[in-house]
Amino acid sequence: MYSRILVPTDGSATATQGLSEAITLARDLKSTLVLLYVVNEYPLMMEMAAAINYADHGDTFAS
């Protein structure tokens, strides 16, 4: 039915369980697995952007 199965993962327990299911399915269907590892490159920038309200700091950030 499926010749290729895309399996995205981020290393979490949920993704690992999904990979296990995909392996079983691919074995039964004689399919090829295509793995995609997802990486969040900017976690610190996203957290800081949500924590700082520049309007509250007035001219502190002005050059």
PDB file of N, CA and C in Angstrom:
ATOM      1  N   MET A   1       0.821  -1.193   0.000  1.00  0.00           N
ATOM      2  CA  MET A   1       0.000   0.000   0.000  1.00  0.00           C
ATOM      3  C   MET A   1       0.867   1.260   0.000  1.00  0.00           C
ATOM      4  N   TYR A   2       1.821   1.358   0.949  1.00  0.00           N
ATOM      5  CA  TYR A   2       2.739   2.494   1.001  1.00  0.00           C
ATOM      6  C   TYR A   2       4.135   2.021   0.626  1.00  0.00           C
ATOM      7  N   SER A   3       4.771   2.712  -0.302  1.00  0.00           N
ATOM      8  CA  SER A   3       6.140   2.328  -0.659  1.00  0.00           C
ATOM      9  C   SER A   3       7.167   3.059   0.197  1.00  0.00           C
ATOM     10  N   ARG A   4       6.813   4.277   0.659  1.00  0.00           N
ATOM     11  CA  ARG A   4       7.686   5.051   1.559  1.00  0.00           C
ATOM     12  C   ARG A   4       6.845   5.659   2.666  1.00  0.00           C
ATOM     13  N   ILE A   5       7.417   5.690   3.873  1.00  0.00           N
ATOM     14  CA  ILE A   5       6.728   6.253   5.025  1.00  0.00           C
ATOM     15  C   ILE A   5       7.641   7.305   5.645  1.00  0.00           C
ATOM     16  N   LEU A   6       7.162   8.555   5.725  1.00  0.00           N
ATOM     17  CA  LEU A   6       7.917   9.644   6.336  1.00  0.00           C
ATOM     18  C   LEU A   6       7.652   9.633   7.842  1.00  0.00           C
ATOM     19  N   VAL A   7       8.743   9.636   8.630  1.00  0.00           N
ATOM     20  CA  VAL A   7       8.619   9.600  10.087  1.00  0.00           C
ATOM     21  C   VAL A   7       9.388  10.783  10.670  1.00  0.00           C
ATOM     22  N   PRO A   8       8.690  11.865  11.034  1.00  0.00           N
ATOM     23  CA  PRO A   8       9.373  12.979  11.696  1.00  0.00           C
ATOM     24  C   PRO A   8       9.588  12.646  13.169  1.00  0.00           C
ATOM     25  N   THR A   9      10.731  13.059  13.721  1.00  0.00           N
ATOM     26  CA  THR A   9      11.017  12.805  15.129  1.00  0.00           C
ATOM     27  C   THR A   9      11.799  13.969  15.720  1.00  0.00           C
ATOM     28  N   ASP A  10      11.622  14.164  17.020  1.00  0.00           N
ATOM     29  CA  ASP A  10      12.385  15.191  17.735  1.00  0.00           C
ATOM     30  C   ASP A  10      13.088  14.589  18.939  1.00  0.00           C
ATOM     31  N   GLY A  11      13.083  13.273  19.047  1.00  0.00           N
ATOM     32  CA  GLY A  11      13.749  12.600  20.146  1.00  0.00           C
ATOM     33  C   GLY A  11      12.883  12.417  21.384  1.00  0.00           C
ATOM     34  N   SER A  12      11.648  12.900  21.338  1.00  0.00           N
ATOM     35  CA  SER A  12      10.760  12.774  22.499  1.00  0.00           C
ATOM     36  C   SER A  12      10.229  11.346  22.609  1.00  0.00           C
ATOM     37  N   ALA A  13       9.658  11.031  23.773  1.00  0.00           N
ATOM     38  CA  ALA A  13       9.093   9.699  23.990  1.00  0.00           C
ATOM     39  C   ALA A  13       7.943   9.423  23.024  1.00  0.00           C
ATOM     40  N   THR A  14       7.130  10.436  22.762  1.00  0.00           N
ATOM     41  CA  THR A  14       6.003  10.275  21.839  1.00  0.00           C
ATOM     42  C   THR A  14       6.496   9.987  20.423  1.00  0.00           C
ATOM     43  N   ALA A  15       7.518  10.704  19.993  1.00  0.00           N
ATOM     44  CA  ALA A  15       8.067  10.493  18.656  1.00  0.00           C
ATOM     45  C   ALA A  15       8.713   9.115  18.545  1.00  0.00           C
ATOM     46  N   THR A  16       9.355   8.663  19.620  1.00  0.00           N
ATOM     47  CA  THR A  16       9.971   7.340  19.627  1.00  0.00           C
ATOM     48  C   THR A  16       8.906   6.249  19.490  1.00  0.00           C
ATOM     49  N   GLN A  17       7.777   6.435  20.147  1.00  0.00           N
ATOM     50  CA  GLN A  17       6.674   5.479  20.016  1.00  0.00           C
ATOM     51  C   GLN A  17       6.136   5.479  18.586  1.00  0.00           C
ATOM     52  N   GLY A  18       6.031   6.665  17.984  1.00  0.00           N
ATOM     53  CA  GLY A  18       5.593   6.756  16.594  1.00  0.00           C
ATOM     54  C   GLY A  18       6.556   6.060  15.651  1.00  0.00           C
ATOM     55  N   LEU A  19       7.849   6.195  15.910  1.00  0.00           N
ATOM     56  CA  LEU A  19       8.864   5.520  15.096  1.00  0.00           C
ATOM     57  C   LEU A  19       8.711   4.009  15.214  1.00  0.00           C
ATOM     58  N   SER A  20       8.463   3.533  16.414  1.00  0.00           N
ATOM     59  CA  SER A  20       8.272   2.094  16.625  1.00  0.00           C
ATOM     60  C   SER A  20       7.083   1.575  15.810  1.00  0.00           C
ATOM     61  N   GLU A  21       5.997   2.335  15.820  1.00  0.00           N
ATOM     62  CA  GLU A  21       4.814   1.955  15.027  1.00  0.00           C
ATOM     63  C   GLU A  21       5.122   1.975  13.530  1.00  0.00           C
ATOM     64  N   ALA A  22       5.881   2.991  13.103  1.00  0.00           N
ATOM     65  CA  ALA A  22       6.235   3.102  11.682  1.00  0.00           C
ATOM     66  C   ALA A  22       7.128   1.942  11.245  1.00  0.00           C
ATOM     67  N   ILE A  23       8.034   1.515  12.115  1.00  0.00           N
ATOM     68  CA  ILE A  23       8.901   0.375  11.800  1.00  0.00           C
ATOM     69  C   ILE A  23       8.067  -0.888  11.610  1.00  0.00           C
ATOM     70  N   THR A  24       7.114  -1.099  12.508  1.00  0.00           N
ATOM     71  CA  THR A  24       6.232  -2.267  12.390  1.00  0.00           C
ATOM     72  C   THR A  24       5.438  -2.227  11.090  1.00  0.00           C
ATOM     73  N   LEU A  25       4.869  -1.069  10.769  1.00  0.00           N
ATOM     74  CA  LEU A  25       4.088  -0.914   9.544  1.00  0.00           C
ATOM     75  C   LEU A  25       4.960  -1.133   8.308  1.00  0.00           C
ATOM     76  N   ALA A  26       6.157  -0.543   8.313  1.00  0.00           N
ATOM     77  CA  ALA A  26       7.052  -0.674   7.162  1.00  0.00           C
ATOM     78  C   ALA A  26       7.482  -2.123   6.967  1.00  0.00           C
ATOM     79  N   ARG A  27       7.716  -2.819   8.058  1.00  0.00           N
ATOM     80  CA  ARG A  27       8.107  -4.225   7.968  1.00  0.00           C
ATOM     81  C   ARG A  27       6.973  -5.054   7.345  1.00  0.00           C
ATOM     82  N   ASP A  28       5.754  -4.821   7.808  1.00  0.00           N
ATOM     83  CA  ASP A  28       4.607  -5.570   7.295  1.00  0.00           C
ATOM     84  C   ASP A  28       4.330  -5.273   5.819  1.00  0.00           C
ATOM     85  N   LEU A  29       4.520  -4.024   5.424  1.00  0.00           N
ATOM     86  CA  LEU A  29       4.217  -3.607   4.049  1.00  0.00           C
ATOM     87  C   LEU A  29       5.430  -3.647   3.120  1.00  0.00           C
ATOM     88  N   LYS A  30       6.596  -4.011   3.690  1.00  0.00           N
ATOM     89  CA  LYS A  30       7.854  -4.008   2.931  1.00  0.00           C
ATOM     90  C   LYS A  30       8.113  -2.623   2.332  1.00  0.00           C
ATOM     91  N   SER A  31       7.925  -1.604   3.172  1.00  0.00           N
ATOM     92  CA  SER A  31       8.105  -0.203   2.760  1.00  0.00           C
ATOM     93  C   SER A  31       9.451   0.325   3.220  1.00  0.00           C
ATOM     94  N   THR A  32       9.822   1.476   2.687  1.00  0.00           N
ATOM     95  CA  THR A  32      11.037   2.171   3.087  1.00  0.00           C
ATOM     96  C   THR A  32      10.665   3.293   4.047  1.00  0.00           C
ATOM     97  N   LEU A  33      11.438   3.428   5.125  1.00  0.00           N
ATOM     98  CA  LEU A  33      11.232   4.539   6.056  1.00  0.00           C
ATOM     99  C   LEU A  33      12.124   5.706   5.667  1.00  0.00           C
ATOM    100  N   VAL A  34      11.570   6.892   5.697  1.00  0.00           N
ATOM    101  CA  VAL A  34      12.324   8.122   5.494  1.00  0.00           C
ATOM    102  C   VAL A  34      12.211   8.891   6.806  1.00  0.00           C
ATOM    103  N   LEU A  35      13.332   9.073   7.509  1.00  0.00           N
ATOM    104  CA  LEU A  35      13.323   9.724   8.818  1.00  0.00           C
ATOM    105  C   LEU A  35      13.672  11.200   8.691  1.00  0.00           C
ATOM    106  N   LEU A  36      12.961  12.010   9.430  1.00  0.00           N
ATOM    107  CA  LEU A  36      13.190  13.456   9.463  1.00  0.00           C
ATOM    108  C   LEU A  36      13.379  13.851  10.912  1.00  0.00           C
ATOM    109  N   TYR A  37      14.579  14.330  11.262  1.00  0.00           N
ATOM    110  CA  TYR A  37      14.849  14.753  12.625  1.00  0.00           C
ATOM    111  C   TYR A  37      14.606  16.253  12.730  1.00  0.00           C
ATOM    112  N   VAL A  38      13.749  16.658  13.633  1.00  0.00           N
ATOM    113  CA  VAL A  38      13.338  18.048  13.767  1.00  0.00           C
ATOM    114  C   VAL A  38      14.147  18.699  14.884  1.00  0.00           C
ATOM    115  N   VAL A  39      14.745  19.873  14.591  1.00  0.00           N
ATOM    116  CA  VAL A  39      15.563  20.592  15.560  1.00  0.00           C
ATOM    117  C   VAL A  39      15.038  22.012  15.684  1.00  0.00           C
ATOM    118  N   ASN A  40      14.886  22.482  16.903  1.00  0.00           N
ATOM    119  CA  ASN A  40      14.496  23.868  17.152  1.00  0.00           C
ATOM    120  C   ASN A  40      15.776  24.665  17.382  1.00  0.00           C
ATOM    121  N   GLU A  41      16.179  25.501  16.426  1.00  0.00           N
ATOM    122  CA  GLU A  41      17.438  26.223  16.510  1.00  0.00           C
ATOM    123  C   GLU A  41      17.369  27.475  17.368  1.00  0.00           C
ATOM    124  N   TYR A  42      16.191  28.006  17.633  1.00  0.00           N
ATOM    125  CA  TYR A  42      16.081  29.285  18.313  1.00  0.00           C
ATOM    126  C   TYR A  42      15.238  29.238  19.586  1.00  0.00           C
ATOM    127  N   PRO A  43      15.397  28.253  20.439  1.00  0.00           N
ATOM    128  CA  PRO A  43      14.515  28.203  21.614  1.00  0.00           C
ATOM    129  C   PRO A  43      14.748  29.365  22.568  1.00  0.00           C
ATOM    130  N   LEU A  44      15.982  29.806  22.750  1.00  0.00           N
ATOM    131  CA  LEU A  44      16.281  30.897  23.667  1.00  0.00           C
ATOM    132  C   LEU A  44      15.712  32.213  23.152  1.00  0.00           C
ATOM    133  N   MET A  45      15.845  32.468  21.864  1.00  0.00           N
ATOM    134  CA  MET A  45      15.335  33.718  21.303  1.00  0.00           C
ATOM    135  C   MET A  45      13.812  33.791  21.436  1.00  0.00           C
ATOM    136  N   MET A  46      13.147  32.690  21.244  1.00  0.00           N
ATOM    137  CA  MET A  46      11.692  32.681  21.346  1.00  0.00           C
ATOM    138  C   MET A  46      11.252  32.935  22.782  1.00  0.00           C
ATOM    139  N   GLU A  47      11.951  32.331  23.745  1.00  0.00           N
ATOM    140  CA  GLU A  47      11.591  32.518  25.142  1.00  0.00           C
ATOM    141  C   GLU A  47      11.831  33.963  25.565  1.00  0.00           C
ATOM    142  N   MET A  48      12.934  34.563  25.141  1.00  0.00           N
ATOM    143  CA  MET A  48      13.247  35.936  25.529  1.00  0.00           C
ATOM    144  C   MET A  48      12.274  36.920  24.893  1.00  0.00           C
ATOM    145  N   ALA A  49      11.869  36.662  23.667  1.00  0.00           N
ATOM    146  CA  ALA A  49      10.948  37.561  22.982  1.00  0.00           C
ATOM    147  C   ALA A  49       9.620  37.638  23.723  1.00  0.00           C
ATOM    148  N   ALA A  50       9.206  36.543  24.298  1.00  0.00           N
ATOM    149  CA  ALA A  50       7.935  36.522  25.019  1.00  0.00           C
ATOM    150  C   ALA A  50       8.060  37.156  26.405  1.00  0.00           C
ATOM    151  N   ALA A  51       9.277  37.225  26.961  1.00  0.00           N
ATOM    152  CA  ALA A  51       9.468  37.679  28.339  1.00  0.00           C
ATOM    153  C   ALA A  51       9.752  39.181  28.449  1.00  0.00           C
ATOM    154  N   ILE A  52      10.179  39.817  27.364  1.00  0.00           N
ATOM    155  CA  ILE A  52      10.573  41.224  27.435  1.00  0.00           C
ATOM    156  C   ILE A  52       9.536  42.104  26.750  1.00  0.00           C
ATOM    157  N   ASN A  53       9.079  43.102  27.455  1.00  0.00           N
ATOM    158  CA  ASN A  53       8.189  44.094  26.879  1.00  0.00           C
ATOM    159  C   ASN A  53       8.995  45.389  26.758  1.00  0.00           C
ATOM    160  N   TYR A  54       9.457  45.695  25.558  1.00  0.00           N
ATOM    161  CA  TYR A  54      10.340  46.836  25.350  1.00  0.00           C
ATOM    162  C   TYR A  54       9.691  48.167  25.731  1.00  0.00           C
ATOM    163  N   ALA A  55       8.389  48.279  25.617  1.00  0.00           N
ATOM    164  CA  ALA A  55       7.697  49.529  25.955  1.00  0.00           C
ATOM    165  C   ALA A  55       7.845  49.856  27.449  1.00  0.00           C
ATOM    166  N   ASP A  56       7.954  48.835  28.284  1.00  0.00           N
ATOM    167  CA  ASP A  56       8.109  49.052  29.725  1.00  0.00           C
ATOM    168  C   ASP A  56       9.475  49.615  30.094  1.00  0.00           C
ATOM    169  N   HIS A  57      10.449  49.525  29.218  1.00  0.00           N
ATOM    170  CA  HIS A  57      11.825  49.924  29.510  1.00  0.00           C
ATOM    171  C   HIS A  57      12.188  51.289  28.952  1.00  0.00           C
ATOM    172  N   GLY A  58      11.254  51.956  28.331  1.00  0.00           N
ATOM    173  CA  GLY A  58      11.474  53.308  27.823  1.00  0.00           C
ATOM    174  C   GLY A  58      12.676  53.410  26.902  1.00  0.00           C
ATOM    175  N   ASP A  59      13.618  54.285  27.215  1.00  0.00           N
ATOM    176  CA  ASP A  59      14.792  54.527  26.380  1.00  0.00           C
ATOM    177  C   ASP A  59      15.960  53.602  26.711  1.00  0.00           C
ATOM    178  N   THR A  60      15.776  52.622  27.539  1.00  0.00           N
ATOM    179  CA  THR A  60      16.859  51.725  27.929  1.00  0.00           C
ATOM    180  C   THR A  60      17.505  51.060  26.718  1.00  0.00           C
ATOM    181  N   PHE A  61      16.705  50.712  25.708  1.00  0.00           N
ATOM    182  CA  PHE A  61      17.213  49.992  24.557  1.00  0.00           C
ATOM    183  C   PHE A  61      17.508  50.928  23.374  1.00  0.00           C
ATOM    184  N   ALA A  62      17.362  52.208  23.554  1.00  0.00           N
ATOM    185  CA  ALA A  62      17.646  53.157  22.454  1.00  0.00           C
ATOM    186  C   ALA A  62      19.157  53.306  22.296  1.00  0.00           C
ATOM    187  N   SER A  63      19.612  53.521  21.060  1.00  0.00           N
ATOM    188  CA  SER A  63      21.049  53.684  20.857  1.00  0.00           C
ATOM    189  C   SER A  63      21.483  55.102  20.984  1.00  0.00           C
TER     190      SER A  63
END
